[in-house]
N, C-alpha and C. Protein backbone atom coordinates (compact mmCIF):
# COMPACT_ATOMS: atom_id res chain seq x y z
N UNK A 1 0.67 -1.14 0.03
CA UNK A 1 -0.10 -0.04 -0.06
C UNK A 1 0.79 1.29 -0.02
N UNK A 2 1.93 0.99 0.82
CA UNK A 2 2.83 2.47 0.70
C UNK A 2 3.56 2.59 -0.53
N UNK A 3 3.98 1.55 -1.21
CA UNK A 3 4.61 1.80 -2.69
C UNK A 3 3.51 2.38 -3.58
N UNK A 4 2.35 1.84 -3.36
CA UNK A 4 1.29 2.31 -4.38
C UNK A 4 0.83 3.68 -4.21
N UNK A 5 0.79 4.13 -2.85
CA UNK A 5 0.67 5.41 -2.42
C UNK A 5 1.65 6.47 -2.99
N UNK A 6 2.79 6.15 -2.61
CA UNK A 6 4.12 6.91 -3.18
C UNK A 6 4.03 7.02 -4.58
N UNK A 7 3.78 5.99 -5.44
CA UNK A 7 3.65 6.03 -6.69
C UNK A 7 2.64 6.86 -7.45
N UNK A 8 1.42 6.93 -6.71
CA UNK A 8 0.29 7.75 -7.10
C UNK A 8 0.64 9.20 -6.78
N UNK A 9 1.26 9.50 -5.78
CA UNK A 9 1.75 10.75 -5.29
C UNK A 9 2.87 11.15 -6.38
N UNK A 10 3.68 10.44 -6.81
CA UNK A 10 4.66 10.75 -7.73
C UNK A 10 4.17 11.13 -9.16
N UNK A 11 3.21 10.39 -9.52
CA UNK A 11 2.33 10.38 -10.86
C UNK A 11 1.83 11.92 -10.86
N UNK A 12 0.97 12.19 -9.63
CA UNK A 12 0.51 13.50 -9.55
C UNK A 12 1.38 14.62 -9.70
N UNK A 13 2.47 14.52 -8.96
CA UNK A 13 3.55 15.52 -8.88
C UNK A 13 4.12 15.75 -10.29
N UNK A 14 4.57 14.55 -10.96
CA UNK A 14 5.17 14.61 -12.32
C UNK A 14 4.11 15.42 -13.25
N UNK A 15 2.84 15.21 -13.02
CA UNK A 15 1.83 15.94 -13.89
C UNK A 15 1.55 17.38 -13.51
N UNK A 16 2.26 17.87 -12.56
CA UNK A 16 2.17 19.27 -12.18
C UNK A 16 1.08 19.43 -10.95
N UNK A 17 0.68 18.44 -10.59
CA UNK A 17 -0.40 18.65 -9.32
C UNK A 17 0.06 18.30 -8.04
N UNK A 18 -0.56 18.76 -7.04
CA UNK A 18 -0.08 18.61 -5.71
C UNK A 18 -0.80 17.35 -5.09
N UNK A 19 -0.22 16.63 -4.31
CA UNK A 19 -0.71 15.39 -3.63
C UNK A 19 -0.62 15.50 -2.32
N UNK A 20 -1.29 14.63 -1.52
CA UNK A 20 -1.14 14.60 -0.13
C UNK A 20 -1.15 13.20 0.30
N UNK A 21 -0.42 12.83 1.14
CA UNK A 21 -0.28 11.43 1.82
C UNK A 21 -0.69 11.39 3.18
N UNK A 22 -1.57 10.52 3.64
CA UNK A 22 -1.89 10.47 5.00
C UNK A 22 -1.58 9.07 5.58
N UNK A 23 -1.25 8.84 6.70
CA UNK A 23 -0.99 7.67 7.38
C UNK A 23 -1.50 7.67 8.90
N UNK A 24 -1.68 6.45 9.30
CA UNK A 24 -2.36 6.23 10.62
C UNK A 24 -1.30 6.45 11.77
N UNK A 25 -0.06 6.35 11.59
CA UNK A 25 1.04 6.37 12.65
C UNK A 25 2.16 7.10 12.22
N UNK A 26 3.00 7.69 13.25
CA UNK A 26 4.07 8.50 13.11
C UNK A 26 5.21 7.55 12.31
N UNK A 27 5.05 6.19 12.68
CA UNK A 27 6.02 5.28 11.87
C UNK A 27 5.82 5.27 10.44
N UNK A 28 4.48 4.99 10.09
CA UNK A 28 3.99 5.02 8.66
C UNK A 28 4.46 6.33 8.02
N UNK A 29 4.26 7.44 8.59
CA UNK A 29 4.51 8.80 8.13
C UNK A 29 6.09 8.77 7.72
N UNK A 30 6.98 8.37 8.62
CA UNK A 30 8.37 8.49 8.51
C UNK A 30 8.76 7.47 7.22
N UNK A 31 8.21 6.19 7.19
CA UNK A 31 8.47 5.49 6.00
C UNK A 31 7.99 6.22 4.54
N UNK A 32 6.79 6.78 4.69
CA UNK A 32 6.22 7.43 3.41
C UNK A 32 7.20 8.60 3.10
N UNK A 33 7.53 9.51 4.15
CA UNK A 33 8.53 10.60 3.89
C UNK A 33 9.79 10.10 3.32
N UNK A 34 10.41 8.99 3.87
CA UNK A 34 11.73 8.47 3.14
C UNK A 34 11.53 7.82 1.98
N UNK A 35 10.34 7.27 1.56
CA UNK A 35 9.98 6.78 0.04
C UNK A 35 10.10 7.89 -0.79
N UNK A 36 9.15 8.87 -0.34
CA UNK A 36 9.08 10.13 -1.21
C UNK A 36 10.35 10.79 -1.46
N UNK A 37 11.15 10.92 -0.49
CA UNK A 37 12.38 11.49 -0.58
C UNK A 37 13.47 10.80 -1.48
N UNK A 38 13.39 9.49 -1.38
CA UNK A 38 14.15 8.59 -2.24
C UNK A 38 13.90 8.74 -3.60
N UNK A 39 12.55 8.73 -3.93
CA UNK A 39 11.86 8.91 -5.20
C UNK A 39 12.42 10.20 -5.89
N UNK A 40 12.61 11.27 -5.15
CA UNK A 40 13.01 12.59 -5.71
C UNK A 40 14.61 12.41 -5.80
N UNK A 41 15.28 11.76 -4.98
CA UNK A 41 16.82 11.61 -5.17
C UNK A 41 16.82 10.76 -6.52
N UNK A 42 16.09 9.71 -6.72
CA UNK A 42 16.23 8.82 -7.86
C UNK A 42 16.05 9.71 -9.06
N UNK A 43 15.16 10.58 -8.92
CA UNK A 43 14.75 11.47 -10.30
C UNK A 43 15.68 12.70 -10.29
N UNK A 44 16.89 12.83 -9.49
CA UNK A 44 17.83 13.93 -9.48
C UNK A 44 17.04 15.16 -9.18
N UNK A 45 15.96 15.12 -8.31
CA UNK A 45 15.52 16.37 -8.06
C UNK A 45 16.22 16.99 -6.75
N UNK A 46 16.80 16.00 -5.95
CA UNK A 46 17.64 16.22 -4.76
C UNK A 46 18.85 15.62 -4.76
N UNK A 47 19.78 16.32 -4.34
CA UNK A 47 21.32 15.73 -4.43
C UNK A 47 21.57 15.29 -3.01
N UNK A 48 21.75 14.08 -2.77
CA UNK A 48 21.86 13.43 -1.62
C UNK A 48 23.48 13.71 -1.07
N UNK A 49 24.23 14.08 -2.11
CA UNK A 49 25.60 14.38 -1.48
C UNK A 49 25.68 15.95 -1.31
N UNK A 50 24.73 16.68 -1.55
CA UNK A 50 24.77 18.16 -1.43
C UNK A 50 24.55 18.61 0.07
N UNK A 51 24.16 19.72 0.39
CA UNK A 51 23.97 20.31 1.55
C UNK A 51 22.60 19.55 2.29
N UNK A 52 22.97 19.31 3.59
CA UNK A 52 21.66 18.50 4.32
C UNK A 52 22.20 18.61 5.73
N UNK A 53 21.24 18.38 6.60
CA UNK A 53 21.33 18.61 8.17
C UNK A 53 20.44 17.12 8.69
N UNK A 54 20.83 16.72 9.69
CA UNK A 54 20.04 15.85 10.41
C UNK A 54 18.84 16.53 11.18
N UNK A 55 17.71 15.97 11.06
CA UNK A 55 16.68 16.50 11.77
C UNK A 55 15.88 15.21 12.18
N UNK A 56 16.13 14.89 13.57
CA UNK A 56 15.27 13.68 13.99
C UNK A 56 15.89 12.57 13.39
N UNK A 57 14.83 11.76 12.73
CA UNK A 57 15.13 10.44 12.03
C UNK A 57 15.58 10.71 10.74
N UNK A 58 15.48 11.93 10.19
CA UNK A 58 15.72 12.29 8.85
C UNK A 58 16.99 13.17 8.45
N UNK A 59 17.59 12.84 7.37
CA UNK A 59 18.62 13.72 6.74
C UNK A 59 17.70 14.71 5.76
N UNK A 60 17.70 16.01 6.04
CA UNK A 60 17.02 16.89 5.22
C UNK A 60 17.95 17.68 4.42
N UNK A 61 17.67 17.51 2.94
CA UNK A 61 18.53 18.04 2.08
C UNK A 61 18.08 19.17 1.39
N UNK A 62 18.99 20.00 0.85
CA UNK A 62 18.60 21.09 0.09
C UNK A 62 17.52 20.81 -1.10
N UNK A 63 16.31 21.39 -1.04
CA UNK A 63 15.28 20.96 -2.11
C UNK A 63 14.21 20.10 -1.52
N UNK A 64 14.51 19.65 -0.22
CA UNK A 64 13.34 18.82 0.31
C UNK A 64 12.21 19.83 0.70
N UNK A 65 11.05 19.32 0.50
CA UNK A 65 9.76 20.19 1.00
C UNK A 65 9.42 19.61 2.40
N UNK A 66 9.08 20.73 3.20
CA UNK A 66 8.81 20.43 4.70
C UNK A 66 7.56 21.29 4.92
N UNK A 67 6.69 20.39 5.53
CA UNK A 67 5.24 20.93 5.97
C UNK A 67 5.59 21.08 7.60
N UNK A 68 5.30 22.20 8.15
CA UNK A 68 5.59 22.30 9.63
C UNK A 68 4.19 21.72 10.34
N UNK A 69 4.50 21.34 11.67
CA UNK A 69 3.44 20.64 12.36
C UNK A 69 3.06 21.59 13.80
N UNK A 70 3.65 22.68 13.70
CA UNK A 70 3.11 23.54 14.95
C UNK A 70 3.72 24.96 14.65
N UNK A 71 3.12 25.88 15.40
CA UNK A 71 3.55 27.29 15.39
C UNK A 71 4.90 27.20 16.16
N UNK A 72 5.88 28.08 15.70
CA UNK A 72 7.11 28.25 16.51
C UNK A 72 7.54 29.68 16.34
N UNK A 73 7.21 30.60 17.34
CA UNK A 73 7.58 31.93 17.08
C UNK A 73 9.07 32.37 16.98
N UNK A 74 9.90 31.38 17.64
CA UNK A 74 11.19 31.71 17.72
C UNK A 74 11.93 31.41 16.28
N UNK A 75 11.29 30.60 15.46
CA UNK A 75 11.92 30.38 14.16
C UNK A 75 11.15 31.16 13.10
N UNK A 76 12.04 31.61 12.20
CA UNK A 76 11.62 32.40 11.03
C UNK A 76 11.82 31.82 9.72
N UNK A 77 10.88 32.09 8.72
CA UNK A 77 11.20 31.56 7.32
C UNK A 77 12.18 32.35 6.81
N UNK A 78 12.64 32.12 5.53
CA UNK A 78 13.45 32.81 4.61
C UNK A 78 12.90 34.22 4.36
N UNK A 79 11.66 34.41 4.57
CA UNK A 79 10.84 35.69 4.41
C UNK A 79 10.79 36.52 5.73
N UNK A 80 11.43 35.94 6.68
CA UNK A 80 11.25 36.69 7.96
C UNK A 80 9.92 36.39 8.68
N UNK A 81 9.12 35.53 8.42
CA UNK A 81 7.79 35.35 8.99
C UNK A 81 7.99 34.24 10.03
N UNK A 82 7.12 34.33 10.97
CA UNK A 82 7.23 33.03 11.94
C UNK A 82 6.71 31.93 11.25
N UNK A 83 7.29 30.75 11.77
CA UNK A 83 6.88 29.46 11.35
C UNK A 83 5.54 29.01 12.04
N UNK A 84 4.53 28.78 11.00
CA UNK A 84 3.12 28.52 11.38
C UNK A 84 2.80 27.01 11.06
N UNK A 85 1.93 26.47 11.70
CA UNK A 85 1.43 25.17 11.56
C UNK A 85 0.98 25.04 10.08
N UNK A 86 1.48 23.86 9.48
CA UNK A 86 1.05 23.38 8.08
C UNK A 86 1.75 24.56 7.10
N UNK A 87 2.74 25.20 7.46
CA UNK A 87 3.35 26.17 6.36
C UNK A 87 4.29 25.10 5.49
N UNK A 88 4.67 25.41 4.19
CA UNK A 88 5.32 24.61 3.59
C UNK A 88 6.59 25.27 3.24
């Protein structure tokens, strides 16, 4: 199911559409995130040898897309705005 979900997400993305993946657990979310990231690496959208930082269970690379999960007034975006829940 996870492979099929990521394949459908990738197909929509390649067609220029946005897609959303949902999962029942944090563990499943981590697996989906890693599959999506690897798909983008395989397509040369992300350079795994380029700039990256460890964040929890992840290696976040330049070009990764991140959706925030909570407000954090101490962090700001590249536009100087506070990080807000569900910001991308």
